[in-house]
Amino acid sequence: MRGLTGLLVMLFVLVLAGSAIADEWVTGVVDSEGSTGWFSSLALDSSGNPHISYGDGTNTNLEFARWDGSDWQIETVDTDGDVGRYTSLALDSSGNPHISYQNWSTYDLKYTRWDGSHWQIDIVDSGGDVGFFTSLALDSSDAPHISYRDYTNEGLKYAWYGDDSGIKSVELTTQLEDEGVLLSWSIVGDESATVSVLRGLTQNGSVDISGELSGSATSWLDVSAEAGVEYAYWLEVTELDGTVSCFGPSEVVVQGAISELTLRDPYPNPASDSLTISYELATNGSVGLSVYDLSGRLVETLVSGEQTAGRHSVSWDSSTLAMATGVYLIRLEAAGEAITKRAVISR
């Protein structure tokens, strides 16, 4: 009889347990010390045990709790500032916790991980009001990746930790020259194996017009560009490991033949030190480009001599002359004509 009673009790418990698992939410208190439980994030380990990161509002600390199978083990992770906001938790392949979160005192994005004996804490981003609404994930190598809100720049940001090799970015620019379109680029990251210049209306419709160039190349001249046509250029970069990436576009309209003497407005204007003066010559001949003050006194001669027809530019560094703030006249003389533009120097 005692054995049967024990069996009935066991069955009753199993039925209740099954009913709770299938049909009911079971709740329990993890931490009730002060105003706690802010911005919590949950992860389950390989045994199904819960791990939780959260903020302690009373002490403004980052807290971590884990269920060890019989009780909650709670520890304080970070006390440096008003931390523990917008936490996101992930467990690595060894079951160790990684947490991204914000320091509300400084609006920094922070990250911490348990290395088996200590919490390792890093400041990931301190460039403005960042670290809002963090979301953390670990890749196959257990390296952290974090997305978060940057309120300063009103945007979404992404941070990751790992191998920093390879090409990170390419800045590609185009400039009209007498002989064609000059493409220039700068590559941030490891040196590439080869680069190629592509041209077309769209990236998918572009064609290689340069062939393979050395990975150390920084410019290439497109002499086949036709006047009056709009072009878009891309730079195709092949890394040493064979990875191919395409950067661009940089767009330009190739101007037609120069028919008259032209002096462009100086840039920047006003200028504090140096400015660029661009002009166009319709014919070969003698050219004079000079700077005068408003009284008509010659301040500096920038160009004096023979030049070929086409587009030209000169940089004028006014800081070397200790010039006073004011208005100056840029005068271009060529082919019996003269054009004047105003430039403002503001210290």
Protein backbone atom coordinates (compact mmCIF):
# COMPACT_ATOMS: atom_id res chain seq x y z
CA MET A 1 0.00 0.00 0.00
CA ARG A 2 2.84 2.36 0.88
CA GLY A 3 4.46 1.62 -2.48
CA LEU A 4 1.23 2.31 -4.35
CA THR A 5 0.73 5.58 -2.47
CA GLY A 6 4.26 6.62 -3.40
CA LEU A 7 3.58 5.79 -7.05
CA LEU A 8 0.38 7.85 -7.04
CA VAL A 9 2.17 10.81 -5.51
CA MET A 10 4.90 10.55 -8.13
CA LEU A 11 2.38 10.45 -10.95
CA PHE A 12 0.54 13.44 -9.51
CA VAL A 13 3.76 15.46 -9.41
CA LEU A 14 4.63 14.49 -12.98
CA VAL A 15 1.18 15.52 -14.19
CA LEU A 16 1.47 18.87 -12.46
CA ALA A 17 4.96 19.39 -13.84
CA GLY A 18 3.82 18.50 -17.34
CA SER A 19 0.86 20.84 -17.03
CA ALA A 20 3.09 23.69 -15.86
CA ILE A 21 5.56 23.20 -18.71
CA ALA A 22 2.91 22.93 -21.38
CA ASP A 23 0.22 25.35 -20.25
CA GLU A 24 1.43 27.82 -17.65
CA TRP A 25 3.99 30.55 -17.14
CA VAL A 26 6.10 29.89 -14.04
CA THR A 27 7.66 33.00 -12.50
CA GLY A 28 10.30 33.44 -9.85
CA VAL A 29 12.22 36.29 -8.22
CA VAL A 30 15.89 36.49 -9.24
CA ASP A 31 17.01 39.67 -7.46
CA SER A 32 14.92 42.02 -5.31
CA GLU A 33 17.64 44.09 -3.67
CA GLY A 34 16.68 47.72 -4.37
CA SER A 35 15.47 49.06 -7.71
CA THR A 36 16.94 46.35 -9.89
CA GLY A 37 16.21 44.40 -13.05
CA TRP A 38 16.64 47.26 -15.52
CA PHE A 39 17.42 46.56 -19.22
CA SER A 40 17.68 42.79 -18.73
CA SER A 41 18.93 40.36 -21.37
CA LEU A 42 18.60 36.56 -21.24
CA ALA A 43 20.63 33.66 -22.65
CA LEU A 44 20.38 29.90 -22.02
CA ASP A 45 23.43 27.65 -21.71
CA SER A 46 23.75 24.19 -23.25
CA SER A 47 21.94 22.68 -20.24
CA GLY A 48 19.04 25.10 -20.55
CA ASN A 49 20.01 27.08 -17.47
CA PRO A 50 19.21 30.81 -17.67
CA HIS A 51 21.81 33.57 -17.48
CA ILE A 52 20.69 37.21 -17.16
CA SER A 53 22.46 40.58 -17.43
CA TYR A 54 20.70 43.62 -16.01
CA GLY A 55 21.13 47.00 -14.36
CA ASP A 56 20.90 47.78 -10.65
CA GLY A 57 19.11 51.14 -10.58
CA THR A 58 19.80 51.75 -6.90
CA ASN A 59 23.58 51.44 -7.15
CA THR A 60 23.81 52.11 -10.93
CA ASN A 61 25.83 48.90 -11.41
CA LEU A 62 25.88 46.19 -14.05
CA GLU A 63 24.75 42.86 -12.57
CA PHE A 64 24.86 39.27 -13.79
CA ALA A 65 22.80 36.33 -12.53
CA ARG A 66 22.95 32.65 -13.45
CA TRP A 67 20.98 29.62 -12.33
CA ASP A 68 23.37 26.86 -11.16
CA GLY A 69 20.65 24.19 -11.04
CA SER A 70 19.50 24.89 -7.51
CA ASP A 71 19.94 28.59 -6.82
CA TRP A 72 20.62 31.98 -8.46
CA GLN A 73 24.24 33.09 -8.32
CA ILE A 74 24.43 36.89 -8.56
CA GLU A 75 27.50 39.08 -8.95
CA THR A 76 28.29 42.71 -9.67
CA VAL A 77 30.21 43.09 -12.94
CA ASP A 78 30.89 46.83 -13.35
CA THR A 79 30.54 49.74 -10.88
CA ASP A 80 32.38 52.45 -12.84
CA GLY A 81 29.69 55.09 -13.46
CA ASP A 82 25.99 54.74 -14.16
CA VAL A 83 26.38 51.45 -16.00
CA GLY A 84 24.08 48.54 -16.76
CA ARG A 85 21.83 50.27 -19.26
CA TYR A 86 20.77 48.67 -22.54
CA THR A 87 22.47 45.36 -21.74
CA SER A 88 22.71 42.51 -24.24
CA LEU A 89 23.99 39.08 -23.24
CA ALA A 90 25.48 36.19 -25.22
CA LEU A 91 27.22 32.98 -24.16
CA ASP A 92 30.29 31.75 -26.02
CA SER A 93 31.12 28.16 -27.00
CA SER A 94 32.54 27.57 -23.50
CA GLY A 95 29.43 28.94 -21.82
CA ASN A 96 31.17 32.13 -20.68
CA PRO A 97 29.03 35.30 -20.70
CA HIS A 98 29.70 38.36 -22.87
CA ILE A 99 27.74 41.58 -22.26
CA SER A 100 27.40 44.84 -24.18
CA TYR A 101 25.96 47.83 -22.32
CA GLN A 102 26.04 51.60 -21.93
CA ASN A 103 27.70 53.83 -19.36
CA TRP A 104 24.98 56.45 -18.89
CA SER A 105 27.43 58.77 -17.09
CA THR A 106 29.63 59.21 -20.17
CA TYR A 107 27.35 57.83 -22.94
CA ASP A 108 30.01 55.29 -23.93
CA LEU A 109 29.45 51.83 -25.38
CA LYS A 110 31.05 49.21 -23.13
CA TYR A 111 31.68 45.48 -23.41
CA THR A 112 32.69 42.86 -20.87
CA ARG A 113 33.38 39.13 -20.93
CA TRP A 114 34.14 36.49 -18.32
CA ASP A 115 37.52 34.90 -19.15
CA GLY A 116 37.13 32.08 -16.65
CA SER A 117 38.51 33.97 -13.66
CA HIS A 118 37.84 37.70 -14.18
CA TRP A 119 35.55 40.12 -15.98
CA GLN A 120 37.46 41.83 -18.78
CA ILE A 121 35.95 45.27 -19.49
CA ASP A 122 36.50 47.45 -22.58
CA ILE A 123 35.22 50.81 -23.77
CA VAL A 124 34.20 50.11 -27.36
CA ASP A 125 33.03 53.55 -28.54
CA SER A 126 33.26 56.92 -26.80
CA GLY A 127 32.63 59.11 -29.84
CA GLY A 128 29.60 61.09 -28.66
CA ASP A 129 26.27 59.96 -27.22
CA VAL A 130 26.52 56.28 -28.15
CA GLY A 131 25.73 52.88 -26.68
CA PHE A 132 21.94 53.08 -26.76
CA PHE A 133 19.84 49.93 -27.38
CA THR A 134 22.80 47.57 -27.78
CA SER A 135 22.47 44.13 -29.36
CA LEU A 136 25.31 41.61 -29.04
CA ALA A 137 26.09 38.47 -31.03
CA LEU A 138 29.14 36.20 -31.14
CA ASP A 139 30.48 34.74 -34.38
CA SER A 140 31.83 31.23 -34.93
CA SER A 141 35.15 32.33 -33.39
CA ASP A 142 33.39 33.77 -30.31
CA ALA A 143 34.33 37.30 -31.43
CA PRO A 144 31.74 39.92 -30.38
CA HIS A 145 29.67 42.00 -32.81
CA ILE A 146 27.53 44.86 -31.46
CA SER A 147 24.86 47.05 -33.05
CA TYR A 148 23.76 50.20 -31.24
CA ARG A 149 22.27 53.67 -31.57
CA ASP A 150 24.46 56.79 -31.98
CA TYR A 151 22.35 59.76 -30.88
CA THR A 152 25.02 62.34 -31.74
CA ASN A 153 24.93 61.46 -35.43
CA GLU A 154 21.35 60.16 -35.41
CA GLY A 155 22.38 56.77 -36.81
CA LEU A 156 22.85 53.06 -36.34
CA LYS A 157 26.41 51.91 -35.64
CA TYR A 158 28.11 48.53 -35.70
CA ALA A 159 31.25 47.45 -33.89
CA TRP A 160 33.13 44.18 -34.01
CA TYR A 161 36.31 42.73 -32.57
CA GLY A 162 38.61 40.49 -34.52
CA ASP A 163 41.08 40.37 -37.39
CA ASP A 164 41.62 43.90 -38.72
CA SER A 165 43.37 42.80 -41.90
CA GLY A 166 42.15 43.36 -45.42
CA ILE A 167 40.80 46.39 -47.28
CA LYS A 168 38.62 48.62 -45.08
CA SER A 169 37.68 51.46 -47.41
CA VAL A 170 38.63 53.18 -50.65
CA GLU A 171 38.24 56.87 -51.52
CA LEU A 172 37.91 57.33 -55.29
CA THR A 173 37.92 60.75 -57.00
CA THR A 174 37.81 61.97 -60.60
CA GLN A 175 39.34 65.10 -62.07
CA LEU A 176 39.14 66.51 -65.58
CA GLU A 177 42.52 67.00 -67.24
CA ASP A 178 43.47 68.20 -70.72
CA GLU A 179 44.25 64.63 -71.74
CA GLY A 180 41.18 62.96 -70.21
CA VAL A 181 39.75 61.95 -66.82
CA LEU A 182 42.29 61.42 -64.05
CA LEU A 183 41.16 58.91 -61.42
CA SER A 184 42.88 58.96 -58.04
CA TRP A 185 42.29 56.72 -55.04
CA SER A 186 43.51 55.99 -51.55
CA ILE A 187 43.09 52.59 -49.90
CA VAL A 188 42.71 52.11 -46.14
CA GLY A 189 43.85 48.70 -44.94
CA ASP A 190 46.26 46.08 -46.25
CA GLU A 191 47.90 46.58 -49.63
CA SER A 192 45.89 44.96 -52.41
CA ALA A 193 47.27 42.54 -55.00
CA THR A 194 45.78 44.34 -58.02
CA VAL A 195 43.30 47.10 -58.83
CA SER A 196 41.23 47.76 -61.96
CA VAL A 197 39.28 50.81 -63.13
CA LEU A 198 35.71 50.09 -64.28
CA ARG A 199 33.53 52.47 -66.29
CA GLY A 200 29.82 52.37 -67.11
CA LEU A 201 26.38 53.72 -66.33
CA THR A 202 25.83 51.14 -63.56
CA GLN A 203 28.16 48.88 -61.61
CA ASN A 204 26.70 45.73 -63.17
CA GLY A 205 27.02 47.26 -66.63
CA SER A 206 30.55 48.60 -66.14
CA VAL A 207 33.58 47.27 -68.00
CA ASP A 208 37.26 47.06 -67.12
CA ILE A 209 39.03 49.84 -69.04
CA SER A 210 42.45 49.73 -67.33
CA GLY A 211 43.29 46.05 -67.05
CA GLU A 212 45.06 44.84 -63.90
CA LEU A 213 47.12 47.56 -62.25
CA SER A 214 49.62 47.12 -59.43
CA GLY A 215 48.13 47.11 -55.95
CA SER A 216 50.40 50.04 -55.08
CA ALA A 217 48.98 52.22 -57.89
CA THR A 218 47.11 55.35 -56.79
CA SER A 219 45.97 56.93 -60.08
CA TRP A 220 45.10 56.19 -63.71
CA LEU A 221 44.22 58.43 -66.68
CA ASP A 222 41.24 57.58 -68.88
CA VAL A 223 42.27 59.02 -72.27
CA SER A 224 39.31 57.43 -74.08
CA ALA A 225 36.67 59.60 -72.37
CA GLU A 226 34.61 61.56 -74.90
CA ALA A 227 33.58 65.20 -74.56
CA GLY A 228 30.00 65.85 -73.50
CA VAL A 229 29.49 62.39 -72.01
CA GLU A 230 28.71 61.58 -68.35
CA TYR A 231 30.72 58.68 -66.93
CA ALA A 232 30.63 56.70 -63.69
CA TYR A 233 33.79 54.98 -62.46
CA TRP A 234 34.43 52.20 -59.94
CA LEU A 235 37.61 50.74 -58.52
CA GLU A 236 37.76 46.94 -58.34
CA VAL A 237 40.22 45.80 -55.67
CA THR A 238 41.60 42.26 -55.46
CA GLU A 239 43.18 41.44 -52.11
CA LEU A 240 46.14 39.10 -51.60
CA ASP A 241 43.80 36.29 -50.48
CA GLY A 242 41.74 36.63 -53.68
CA THR A 243 38.87 38.62 -52.16
CA VAL A 244 37.41 41.01 -54.75
CA SER A 245 35.57 44.21 -53.75
CA CYS A 246 34.20 47.11 -55.80
CA PHE A 247 34.21 50.73 -54.60
CA GLY A 248 32.49 53.76 -56.12
CA PRO A 249 31.00 55.25 -58.08
CA SER A 250 32.74 58.54 -58.82
CA GLU A 251 30.87 60.44 -61.50
CA VAL A 252 32.05 63.11 -63.94
CA VAL A 253 30.79 64.91 -67.06
CA VAL A 254 33.55 65.36 -69.63
CA GLN A 255 33.42 68.91 -70.91
CA GLY A 256 33.63 69.82 -74.58
CA ALA A 257 36.38 71.78 -76.29
CA ILE A 258 37.36 75.09 -74.65
CA SER A 259 36.20 78.00 -76.81
CA GLU A 260 36.99 81.03 -74.64
CA LEU A 261 39.20 82.33 -71.89
CA THR A 262 37.65 81.48 -68.50
CA LEU A 263 38.60 82.32 -64.92
CA ARG A 264 36.77 80.36 -62.22
CA ASP A 265 35.82 81.76 -58.83
CA PRO A 266 38.63 81.15 -56.30
CA TYR A 267 37.98 78.37 -53.81
CA PRO A 268 37.49 78.53 -50.89
CA ASN A 269 36.27 82.06 -50.77
CA PRO A 270 36.67 83.54 -48.16
CA ALA A 271 40.00 81.82 -47.40
CA SER A 272 42.13 81.96 -44.26
CA ASP A 273 45.41 80.91 -45.84
CA SER A 274 45.52 79.11 -49.20
CA LEU A 275 43.04 79.01 -52.07
CA THR A 276 42.85 77.43 -55.52
CA ILE A 277 42.48 79.42 -58.73
CA SER A 278 41.34 77.53 -61.85
CA TYR A 279 41.22 78.86 -65.40
CA GLU A 280 40.83 77.68 -68.99
CA LEU A 281 42.77 78.74 -72.08
CA ALA A 282 41.29 78.42 -75.55
CA THR A 283 44.70 78.74 -77.29
CA ASN A 284 48.40 78.34 -76.57
CA GLY A 285 50.12 81.56 -75.63
CA SER A 286 51.49 83.90 -73.03
CA VAL A 287 49.62 83.91 -69.72
CA GLY A 288 49.75 86.19 -66.72
CA LEU A 289 47.98 85.46 -63.44
CA SER A 290 48.46 88.02 -60.66
CA VAL A 291 47.05 89.17 -57.34
CA TYR A 292 46.39 92.87 -56.61
CA ASP A 293 45.02 94.72 -53.61
CA LEU A 294 42.11 97.15 -54.00
CA SER A 295 44.49 100.07 -54.47
CA GLY A 296 45.89 98.42 -57.59
CA ARG A 297 49.22 97.44 -56.02
CA LEU A 298 50.68 94.15 -57.26
CA VAL A 299 50.77 91.68 -54.38
CA GLU A 300 52.10 88.54 -56.10
CA THR A 301 52.57 87.11 -59.59
CA LEU A 302 51.35 83.52 -59.74
CA VAL A 303 51.89 82.71 -63.43
CA SER A 304 53.97 84.47 -66.06
CA GLY A 305 54.94 82.68 -69.26
CA GLU A 306 53.81 80.40 -72.05
CA GLN A 307 51.09 77.81 -71.42
CA THR A 308 49.20 75.37 -73.62
CA ALA A 309 45.47 75.51 -74.23
CA GLY A 310 43.36 73.63 -71.71
CA ARG A 311 42.47 73.65 -68.04
CA HIS A 312 44.92 74.86 -65.40
CA SER A 313 44.86 75.51 -61.67
CA VAL A 314 47.19 77.31 -59.28
CA SER A 315 47.33 77.21 -55.50
CA TRP A 316 47.99 80.55 -53.80
CA ASP A 317 49.25 80.43 -50.21
CA SER A 318 48.50 83.89 -48.83
CA SER A 319 49.78 83.03 -45.34
CA THR A 320 53.42 83.39 -46.44
CA LEU A 321 52.89 87.09 -47.27
CA ALA A 322 51.43 88.11 -43.89
CA MET A 323 48.57 89.74 -45.76
CA ALA A 324 45.90 91.72 -44.01
CA THR A 325 42.28 90.66 -43.96
CA GLY A 326 40.44 92.12 -46.92
CA VAL A 327 39.44 91.85 -50.56
CA TYR A 328 42.00 91.09 -53.28
CA LEU A 329 41.73 90.94 -57.06
CA ILE A 330 42.79 87.90 -59.10
CA ARG A 331 43.59 89.02 -62.68
CA LEU A 332 44.06 86.62 -65.61
CA GLU A 333 45.56 87.95 -68.87
CA ALA A 334 45.88 85.89 -72.07
CA ALA A 335 45.32 86.27 -75.83
CA GLY A 336 44.77 90.02 -75.49
CA GLU A 337 41.97 89.57 -72.95
CA ALA A 338 41.77 90.07 -69.19
CA ILE A 339 39.39 88.69 -66.55
CA THR A 340 39.25 89.65 -62.87
CA LYS A 341 37.76 87.82 -59.87
CA ARG A 342 37.55 88.83 -56.23
CA ALA A 343 39.03 86.82 -53.37
CA VAL A 344 38.45 87.51 -49.68
CA ILE A 345 41.20 86.77 -47.15
CA SER A 346 39.82 86.36 -43.62
CA ARG A 347 42.21 85.69 -40.73
